[in-house]
Amino acid sequence: LLEKLRIINYRMAIDEGDARTRLSAYCFQLYLLATRD
């Protein structure tokens, strides 16, 4: 979970756009993380 989060958080940090756009871009990866405990 930590390794996947680091990748997603880093990519969201360097992406352009507002928070909603950045969250939308990684929505599917975050949904897959939500299957973990």
All heavy atoms as atom14 arrays in JSON, in Angstrom:
{
  "sequence": "LLEKLRIINYRMAIDEGDARTRLSAYCFQLYLLATRD",
  "atom14_mask": [
    [1, 1, 1, 1, 1, 1, 1, 1, 0, 0, 0, 0, 0, 0],
    [1, 1, 1, 1, 1, 1, 1, 1, 0, 0, 0, 0, 0, 0],
    [1, 1, 1, 1, 1, 1, 1, 1, 1, 0, 0, 0, 0, 0],
    [1, 1, 1, 1, 1, 1, 1, 1, 1, 0, 0, 0, 0, 0],
    [1, 1, 1, 1, 1, 1, 1, 1, 0, 0, 0, 0, 0, 0],
    [1, 1, 1, 1, 1, 1, 1, 1, 1, 1, 1, 0, 0, 0],
    [1, 1, 1, 1, 1, 1, 1, 1, 0, 0, 0, 0, 0, 0],
    [1, 1, 1, 1, 1, 1, 1, 1, 0, 0, 0, 0, 0, 0],
    [1, 1, 1, 1, 1, 1, 1, 1, 0, 0, 0, 0, 0, 0],
    [1, 1, 1, 1, 1, 1, 1, 1, 1, 1, 1, 1, 0, 0],
    [1, 1, 1, 1, 1, 1, 1, 1, 1, 1, 1, 0, 0, 0],
    [1, 1, 1, 1, 1, 1, 1, 1, 0, 0, 0, 0, 0, 0],
    [1, 1, 1, 1, 1, 0, 0, 0, 0, 0, 0, 0, 0, 0],
    [1, 1, 1, 1, 1, 1, 1, 1, 0, 0, 0, 0, 0, 0],
    [1, 1, 1, 1, 1, 1, 1, 1, 0, 0, 0, 0, 0, 0],
    [1, 1, 1, 1, 1, 1, 1, 1, 1, 0, 0, 0, 0, 0],
    [1, 1, 1, 1, 0, 0, 0, 0, 0, 0, 0, 0, 0, 0],
    [1, 1, 1, 1, 1, 1, 1, 1, 0, 0, 0, 0, 0, 0],
    [1, 1, 1, 1, 1, 0, 0, 0, 0, 0, 0, 0, 0, 0],
    [1, 1, 1, 1, 1, 1, 1, 1, 1, 1, 1, 0, 0, 0],
    [1, 1, 1, 1, 1, 1, 1, 0, 0, 0, 0, 0, 0, 0],
    [1, 1, 1, 1, 1, 1, 1, 1, 1, 1, 1, 0, 0, 0],
    [1, 1, 1, 1, 1, 1, 1, 1, 0, 0, 0, 0, 0, 0],
    [1, 1, 1, 1, 1, 1, 0, 0, 0, 0, 0, 0, 0, 0],
    [1, 1, 1, 1, 1, 0, 0, 0, 0, 0, 0, 0, 0, 0],
    [1, 1, 1, 1, 1, 1, 1, 1, 1, 1, 1, 1, 0, 0],
    [1, 1, 1, 1, 1, 1, 0, 0, 0, 0, 0, 0, 0, 0],
    [1, 1, 1, 1, 1, 1, 1, 1, 1, 1, 1, 0, 0, 0],
    [1, 1, 1, 1, 1, 1, 1, 1, 1, 0, 0, 0, 0, 0],
    [1, 1, 1, 1, 1, 1, 1, 1, 0, 0, 0, 0, 0, 0],
    [1, 1, 1, 1, 1, 1, 1, 1, 1, 1, 1, 1, 0, 0],
    [1, 1, 1, 1, 1, 1, 1, 1, 0, 0, 0, 0, 0, 0],
    [1, 1, 1, 1, 1, 1, 1, 1, 0, 0, 0, 0, 0, 0],
    [1, 1, 1, 1, 1, 0, 0, 0, 0, 0, 0, 0, 0, 0],
    [1, 1, 1, 1, 1, 1, 1, 0, 0, 0, 0, 0, 0, 0],
    [1, 1, 1, 1, 1, 1, 1, 1, 1, 1, 1, 0, 0, 0],
    [1, 1, 1, 1, 1, 1, 1, 1, 0, 0, 0, 0, 0, 0]
  ],
  "atom14_positions": [
    [[0.83, -1.2, 0.0], [0.0, 0.0, 0.0], [0.87, 1.26, 0.0], [0.6, 2.2, -0.75], [-0.92, -0.01, 1.23], [-1.9, 1.13, 1.39], [-2.89, 1.18, 0.24], [-2.63, 0.99, 2.71], [0.0, 0.0, 0.0], [0.0, 0.0, 0.0], [0.0, 0.0, 0.0], [0.0, 0.0, 0.0], [0.0, 0.0, 0.0], [0.0, 0.0, 0.0]],
    [[1.92, 1.25, 0.8], [2.81, 2.41, 0.88], [3.5, 2.67, -0.45], [3.57, 3.82, -0.91], [3.85, 2.2, 1.99], [4.91, 3.29, 2.14], [4.27, 4.63, 2.47], [5.91, 2.9, 3.21], [0.0, 0.0, 0.0], [0.0, 0.0, 0.0], [0.0, 0.0, 0.0], [0.0, 0.0, 0.0], [0.0, 0.0, 0.0], [0.0, 0.0, 0.0]],
    [[4.01, 1.65, -1.1], [4.71, 1.84, -2.38], [3.77, 2.37, -3.45], [4.12, 3.27, -4.21], [5.36, 0.53, -2.84], [6.55, 0.12, -1.99], [7.59, 1.22, -1.87], [7.97, 1.83, -2.9], [8.02, 1.49, -0.74], [0.0, 0.0, 0.0], [0.0, 0.0, 0.0], [0.0, 0.0, 0.0], [0.0, 0.0, 0.0], [0.0, 0.0, 0.0]],
    [[2.57, 1.83, -3.53], [1.6, 2.33, -4.52], [1.18, 3.76, -4.21], [1.04, 4.59, -5.11], [0.36, 1.42, -4.56], [0.65, 0.05, -5.11], [1.14, 0.14, -6.54], [1.45, -1.2, -7.11], [1.98, -1.15, -8.46], [0.0, 0.0, 0.0], [0.0, 0.0, 0.0], [0.0, 0.0, 0.0], [0.0, 0.0, 0.0], [0.0, 0.0, 0.0]],
    [[1.0, 4.06, -2.93], [0.63, 5.41, -2.53], [1.72, 6.41, -2.88], [1.42, 7.52, -3.33], [0.41, 5.46, -1.02], [-1.02, 5.55, -0.54], [-1.06, 5.57, 0.96], [-1.75, 6.71, -1.11], [0.0, 0.0, 0.0], [0.0, 0.0, 0.0], [0.0, 0.0, 0.0], [0.0, 0.0, 0.0], [0.0, 0.0, 0.0], [0.0, 0.0, 0.0]],
    [[2.96, 6.04, -2.66], [4.07, 6.95, -2.99], [4.06, 7.3, -4.47], [4.25, 8.46, -4.84], [5.41, 6.3, -2.64], [5.73, 6.35, -1.19], [7.06, 5.74, -0.89], [7.38, 5.89, 0.53], [8.23, 5.13, 1.17], [8.88, 4.16, 0.55], [8.46, 5.34, 2.44], [0.0, 0.0, 0.0], [0.0, 0.0, 0.0], [0.0, 0.0, 0.0]],
    [[3.83, 6.33, -5.31], [3.8, 6.56, -6.76], [2.63, 7.49, -7.12], [2.81, 8.48, -7.84], [3.7, 5.23, -7.52], [4.98, 4.41, -7.33], [3.42, 5.47, -9.0], [4.88, 2.97, -7.79], [0.0, 0.0, 0.0], [0.0, 0.0, 0.0], [0.0, 0.0, 0.0], [0.0, 0.0, 0.0], [0.0, 0.0, 0.0], [0.0, 0.0, 0.0]],
    [[1.45, 7.18, -6.62], [0.26, 7.97, -6.94], [0.39, 9.4, -6.41], [0.12, 10.37, -7.12], [-1.01, 7.29, -6.41], [-1.26, 5.99, -7.16], [-2.21, 8.21, -6.52], [-2.33, 5.11, -6.55], [0.0, 0.0, 0.0], [0.0, 0.0, 0.0], [0.0, 0.0, 0.0], [0.0, 0.0, 0.0], [0.0, 0.0, 0.0], [0.0, 0.0, 0.0]],
    [[0.83, 9.53, -5.15], [0.97, 10.87, -4.56], [2.01, 11.7, -5.3], [1.82, 12.9, -5.52], [1.34, 10.77, -3.08], [0.16, 10.39, -2.22], [-0.98, 10.5, -2.63], [0.44, 9.92, -1.02], [0.0, 0.0, 0.0], [0.0, 0.0, 0.0], [0.0, 0.0, 0.0], [0.0, 0.0, 0.0], [0.0, 0.0, 0.0], [0.0, 0.0, 0.0]],
    [[3.1, 11.08, -5.71], [4.13, 11.81, -6.46], [3.57, 12.29, -7.8], [3.73, 13.45, -8.17], [5.36, 10.92, -6.69], [6.37, 11.55, -7.62], [7.19, 12.58, -7.17], [6.47, 11.14, -8.94], [8.1, 13.18, -8.02], [7.38, 11.74, -9.8], [8.2, 12.75, -9.34], [9.09, 13.35, -10.19], [0.0, 0.0, 0.0], [0.0, 0.0, 0.0]],
    [[2.88, 11.41, -8.49], [2.32, 11.79, -9.79], [1.26, 12.88, -9.66], [1.17, 13.77, -10.5], [1.76, 10.57, -10.5], [2.85, 9.64, -10.99], [2.27, 8.46, -11.7], [3.34, 7.58, -12.17], [3.13, 6.35, -12.59], [1.9, 5.86, -12.6], [4.13, 5.61, -13.0], [0.0, 0.0, 0.0], [0.0, 0.0, 0.0], [0.0, 0.0, 0.0]],
    [[0.44, 12.78, -8.61], [-0.57, 13.83, -8.4], [0.09, 15.16, -8.06], [-0.42, 16.22, -8.41], [-1.55, 13.43, -7.3], [-2.65, 12.55, -7.8], [-4.08, 12.46, -6.7], [-3.41, 11.61, -5.31], [0.0, 0.0, 0.0], [0.0, 0.0, 0.0], [0.0, 0.0, 0.0], [0.0, 0.0, 0.0], [0.0, 0.0, 0.0], [0.0, 0.0, 0.0]],
    [[1.22, 15.1, -7.37], [1.92, 16.34, -6.98], [2.51, 17.06, -8.18], [2.53, 18.29, -8.21], [3.01, 16.02, -5.97], [0.0, 0.0, 0.0], [0.0, 0.0, 0.0], [0.0, 0.0, 0.0], [0.0, 0.0, 0.0], [0.0, 0.0, 0.0], [0.0, 0.0, 0.0], [0.0, 0.0, 0.0], [0.0, 0.0, 0.0], [0.0, 0.0, 0.0]],
    [[2.98, 16.33, -9.18], [3.64, 16.98, -10.32], [2.69, 17.27, -11.47], [3.04, 18.0, -12.39], [4.85, 16.17, -10.83], [4.42, 14.8, -11.35], [5.89, 16.03, -9.75], [5.53, 14.03, -12.04], [0.0, 0.0, 0.0], [0.0, 0.0, 0.0], [0.0, 0.0, 0.0], [0.0, 0.0, 0.0], [0.0, 0.0, 0.0], [0.0, 0.0, 0.0]],
    [[1.48, 16.71, -11.44], [0.51, 16.97, -12.5], [-0.02, 18.39, -12.42], [-0.09, 18.99, -11.36], [-0.66, 16.0, -12.41], [-0.42, 14.72, -13.18], [0.64, 14.61, -13.82], [-1.29, 13.84, -13.14], [0.0, 0.0, 0.0], [0.0, 0.0, 0.0], [0.0, 0.0, 0.0], [0.0, 0.0, 0.0], [0.0, 0.0, 0.0], [0.0, 0.0, 0.0]],
    [[-0.39, 18.91, -13.58], [-1.01, 20.23, -13.64], [-2.5, 20.1, -13.39], [-3.08, 19.03, -13.5], [-0.78, 20.84, -15.02], [0.66, 21.14, -15.32], [0.83, 21.75, -16.69], [-0.18, 22.11, -17.32], [1.98, 21.88, -17.12], [0.0, 0.0, 0.0], [0.0, 0.0, 0.0], [0.0, 0.0, 0.0], [0.0, 0.0, 0.0], [0.0, 0.0, 0.0]],
    [[-3.11, 21.21, -13.09], [-4.56, 21.22, -12.93], [-4.96, 21.34, -11.47], [-4.15, 21.3, -10.57], [0.0, 0.0, 0.0], [0.0, 0.0, 0.0], [0.0, 0.0, 0.0], [0.0, 0.0, 0.0], [0.0, 0.0, 0.0], [0.0, 0.0, 0.0], [0.0, 0.0, 0.0], [0.0, 0.0, 0.0], [0.0, 0.0, 0.0], [0.0, 0.0, 0.0]],
    [[-6.27, 21.49, -11.3], [-6.78, 21.61, -9.94], [-6.88, 20.24, -9.28], [-6.61, 19.21, -9.9], [-8.13, 22.34, -9.94], [-9.16, 21.64, -10.81], [-8.86, 20.55, -11.35], [-10.27, 22.17, -10.96], [0.0, 0.0, 0.0], [0.0, 0.0, 0.0], [0.0, 0.0, 0.0], [0.0, 0.0, 0.0], [0.0, 0.0, 0.0], [0.0, 0.0, 0.0]],
    [[-7.26, 20.24, -8.02], [-7.29, 19.0, -7.23], [-8.26, 17.99, -7.83], [-7.97, 16.79, -7.87], [-7.67, 19.32, -5.79], [0.0, 0.0, 0.0], [0.0, 0.0, 0.0], [0.0, 0.0, 0.0], [0.0, 0.0, 0.0], [0.0, 0.0, 0.0], [0.0, 0.0, 0.0], [0.0, 0.0, 0.0], [0.0, 0.0, 0.0], [0.0, 0.0, 0.0]],
    [[-9.4, 18.45, -8.29], [-10.4, 17.54, -8.85], [-9.89, 16.84, -10.11], [-10.08, 15.64, -10.3], [-11.67, 18.33, -9.16], [-12.85, 17.46, -9.42], [-14.06, 18.31, -9.58], [-14.11, 18.78, -10.97], [-15.18, 19.26, -11.54], [-16.28, 19.4, -10.86], [-15.15, 19.64, -12.8], [0.0, 0.0, 0.0], [0.0, 0.0, 0.0], [0.0, 0.0, 0.0]],
    [[-9.18, 17.57, -10.95], [-8.62, 17.0, -12.17], [-7.54, 15.98, -11.85], [-7.48, 14.9, -12.44], [-8.03, 18.12, -13.06], [-9.04, 19.11, -13.29], [-7.55, 17.57, -14.38], [0.0, 0.0, 0.0], [0.0, 0.0, 0.0], [0.0, 0.0, 0.0], [0.0, 0.0, 0.0], [0.0, 0.0, 0.0], [0.0, 0.0, 0.0], [0.0, 0.0, 0.0]],
    [[-6.68, 16.3, -10.88], [-5.6, 15.39, -10.51], [-6.15, 14.12, -9.88], [-5.69, 13.02, -10.18], [-4.62, 16.07, -9.56], [-3.77, 17.11, -10.27], [-2.77, 17.74, -9.37], [-3.46, 18.75, -8.56], [-3.18, 19.03, -7.31], [-2.22, 18.41, -6.69], [-3.84, 19.96, -6.65], [0.0, 0.0, 0.0], [0.0, 0.0, 0.0], [0.0, 0.0, 0.0]],
    [[-7.16, 14.28, -9.03], [-7.78, 13.1, -8.41], [-8.47, 12.24, -9.45], [-8.4, 11.02, -9.4], [-8.76, 13.55, -7.34], [-9.22, 12.5, -6.35], [-8.04, 11.97, -5.55], [-10.27, 13.06, -5.42], [0.0, 0.0, 0.0], [0.0, 0.0, 0.0], [0.0, 0.0, 0.0], [0.0, 0.0, 0.0], [0.0, 0.0, 0.0], [0.0, 0.0, 0.0]],
    [[-9.09, 12.88, -10.43], [-9.77, 12.13, -11.51], [-8.79, 11.32, -12.34], [-9.1, 10.2, -12.77], [-10.52, 13.1, -12.42], [-11.52, 13.77, -11.73], [0.0, 0.0, 0.0], [0.0, 0.0, 0.0], [0.0, 0.0, 0.0], [0.0, 0.0, 0.0], [0.0, 0.0, 0.0], [0.0, 0.0, 0.0], [0.0, 0.0, 0.0], [0.0, 0.0, 0.0]],
    [[-7.6, 11.87, -12.56], [-6.61, 11.19, -13.38], [-6.13, 9.89, -12.74], [-5.77, 8.95, -13.45], [-5.42, 12.12, -13.63], [0.0, 0.0, 0.0], [0.0, 0.0, 0.0], [0.0, 0.0, 0.0], [0.0, 0.0, 0.0], [0.0, 0.0, 0.0], [0.0, 0.0, 0.0], [0.0, 0.0, 0.0], [0.0, 0.0, 0.0], [0.0, 0.0, 0.0]],
    [[-6.16, 9.81, -11.43], [-5.67, 8.61, -10.74], [-6.78, 7.9, -9.98], [-6.53, 7.11, -9.08], [-4.52, 8.99, -9.79], [-3.38, 9.56, -10.58], [-3.18, 10.93, -10.68], [-2.54, 8.72, -11.3], [-2.17, 11.44, -11.46], [-1.53, 9.23, -12.08], [-1.35, 10.6, -12.15], [-0.35, 11.11, -12.93], [0.0, 0.0, 0.0], [0.0, 0.0, 0.0]],
    [[-8.01, 8.15, -10.39], [-9.17, 7.59, -9.72], [-9.17, 6.06, -9.74], [-9.43, 5.42, -8.73], [-10.44, 8.13, -10.37], [-11.94, 7.62, -9.55], [0.0, 0.0, 0.0], [0.0, 0.0, 0.0], [0.0, 0.0, 0.0], [0.0, 0.0, 0.0], [0.0, 0.0, 0.0], [0.0, 0.0, 0.0], [0.0, 0.0, 0.0], [0.0, 0.0, 0.0]],
    [[-8.87, 5.48, -10.88], [-8.91, 4.02, -10.99], [-7.85, 3.37, -10.1], [-8.13, 2.39, -9.41], [-8.74, 3.59, -12.45], [-8.93, 2.12, -12.64], [-10.18, 1.54, -12.48], [-7.86, 1.3, -12.94], [-10.36, 0.17, -12.63], [-8.03, -0.07, -13.1], [-9.28, -0.63, -12.95], [0.0, 0.0, 0.0], [0.0, 0.0, 0.0], [0.0, 0.0, 0.0]],
    [[-6.63, 3.94, -10.08], [-5.58, 3.39, -9.23], [-5.97, 3.52, -7.75], [-5.71, 2.61, -6.95], [-4.24, 4.09, -9.46], [-3.6, 3.76, -10.78], [-4.02, 4.74, -11.88], [-4.98, 5.48, -11.75], [-3.27, 4.73, -12.96], [0.0, 0.0, 0.0], [0.0, 0.0, 0.0], [0.0, 0.0, 0.0], [0.0, 0.0, 0.0], [0.0, 0.0, 0.0]],
    [[-6.59, 4.63, -7.39], [-7.04, 4.82, -6.01], [-8.16, 3.86, -5.65], [-8.22, 3.35, -4.53], [-7.48, 6.27, -5.79], [-6.36, 7.3, -5.83], [-6.95, 8.7, -5.86], [-5.43, 7.13, -4.66], [0.0, 0.0, 0.0], [0.0, 0.0, 0.0], [0.0, 0.0, 0.0], [0.0, 0.0, 0.0], [0.0, 0.0, 0.0], [0.0, 0.0, 0.0]],
    [[-9.03, 3.59, -6.62], [-10.1, 2.62, -6.37], [-9.51, 1.23, -6.12], [-9.97, 0.5, -5.25], [-11.07, 2.6, -7.55], [-12.21, 1.64, -7.33], [-13.28, 2.0, -6.51], [-12.22, 0.38, -7.91], [-14.33, 1.13, -6.28], [-13.26, -0.5, -7.69], [-14.31, -0.12, -6.88], [-15.35, -0.99, -6.64], [0.0, 0.0, 0.0], [0.0, 0.0, 0.0]],
    [[-8.47, 0.88, -6.87], [-7.82, -0.42, -6.65], [-7.15, -0.47, -5.29], [-7.14, -1.52, -4.64], [-6.8, -0.7, -7.76], [-7.37, -0.99, -9.14], [-6.25, -1.19, -10.15], [-8.29, -2.2, -9.11], [0.0, 0.0, 0.0], [0.0, 0.0, 0.0], [0.0, 0.0, 0.0], [0.0, 0.0, 0.0], [0.0, 0.0, 0.0], [0.0, 0.0, 0.0]],
    [[-6.59, 0.65, -4.84], [-5.99, 0.69, -3.5], [-7.06, 0.5, -2.43], [-6.78, -0.06, -1.38], [-5.29, 2.03, -3.27], [-3.87, 2.18, -3.78], [-3.31, 3.51, -3.3], [-2.98, 1.06, -3.32], [0.0, 0.0, 0.0], [0.0, 0.0, 0.0], [0.0, 0.0, 0.0], [0.0, 0.0, 0.0], [0.0, 0.0, 0.0], [0.0, 0.0, 0.0]],
    [[-8.26, 0.96, -2.7], [-9.34, 0.86, -1.72], [-9.78, -0.58, -1.5], [-10.5, -0.86, -0.55], [-10.52, 1.73, -2.14], [0.0, 0.0, 0.0], [0.0, 0.0, 0.0], [0.0, 0.0, 0.0], [0.0, 0.0, 0.0], [0.0, 0.0, 0.0], [0.0, 0.0, 0.0], [0.0, 0.0, 0.0], [0.0, 0.0, 0.0], [0.0, 0.0, 0.0]],
    [[-9.34, -1.5, -2.35], [-9.65, -2.91, -2.13], [-8.73, -3.51, -1.06], [-8.98, -4.58, -0.56], [-9.51, -3.73, -3.42], [-8.17, -3.66, -3.89], [-10.46, -3.23, -4.49], [0.0, 0.0, 0.0], [0.0, 0.0, 0.0], [0.0, 0.0, 0.0], [0.0, 0.0, 0.0], [0.0, 0.0, 0.0], [0.0, 0.0, 0.0], [0.0, 0.0, 0.0]],
    [[-7.65, -2.81, -0.73], [-6.72, -3.23, 0.32], [-7.22, -2.8, 1.69], [-8.05, -1.91, 1.79], [-5.33, -2.6, 0.09], [-4.68, -3.06, -1.16], [-3.84, -4.2, -0.78], [-3.09, -4.71, -1.91], [-2.58, -5.9, -1.88], [-2.7, -6.67, -0.85], [-1.89, -6.35, -2.9], [0.0, 0.0, 0.0], [0.0, 0.0, 0.0], [0.0, 0.0, 0.0]],
    [[-6.66, -3.4, 2.72], [-6.98, -2.98, 4.09], [-6.21, -1.71, 4.43], [-5.02, -1.61, 4.12], [-6.63, -4.07, 5.09], [-7.61, -5.22, 5.05], [-8.78, -4.97, 4.68], [-7.22, -6.35, 5.38], [0.0, 0.0, 0.0], [0.0, 0.0, 0.0], [0.0, 0.0, 0.0], [0.0, 0.0, 0.0], [0.0, 0.0, 0.0], [0.0, 0.0, 0.0]]
  ]
}
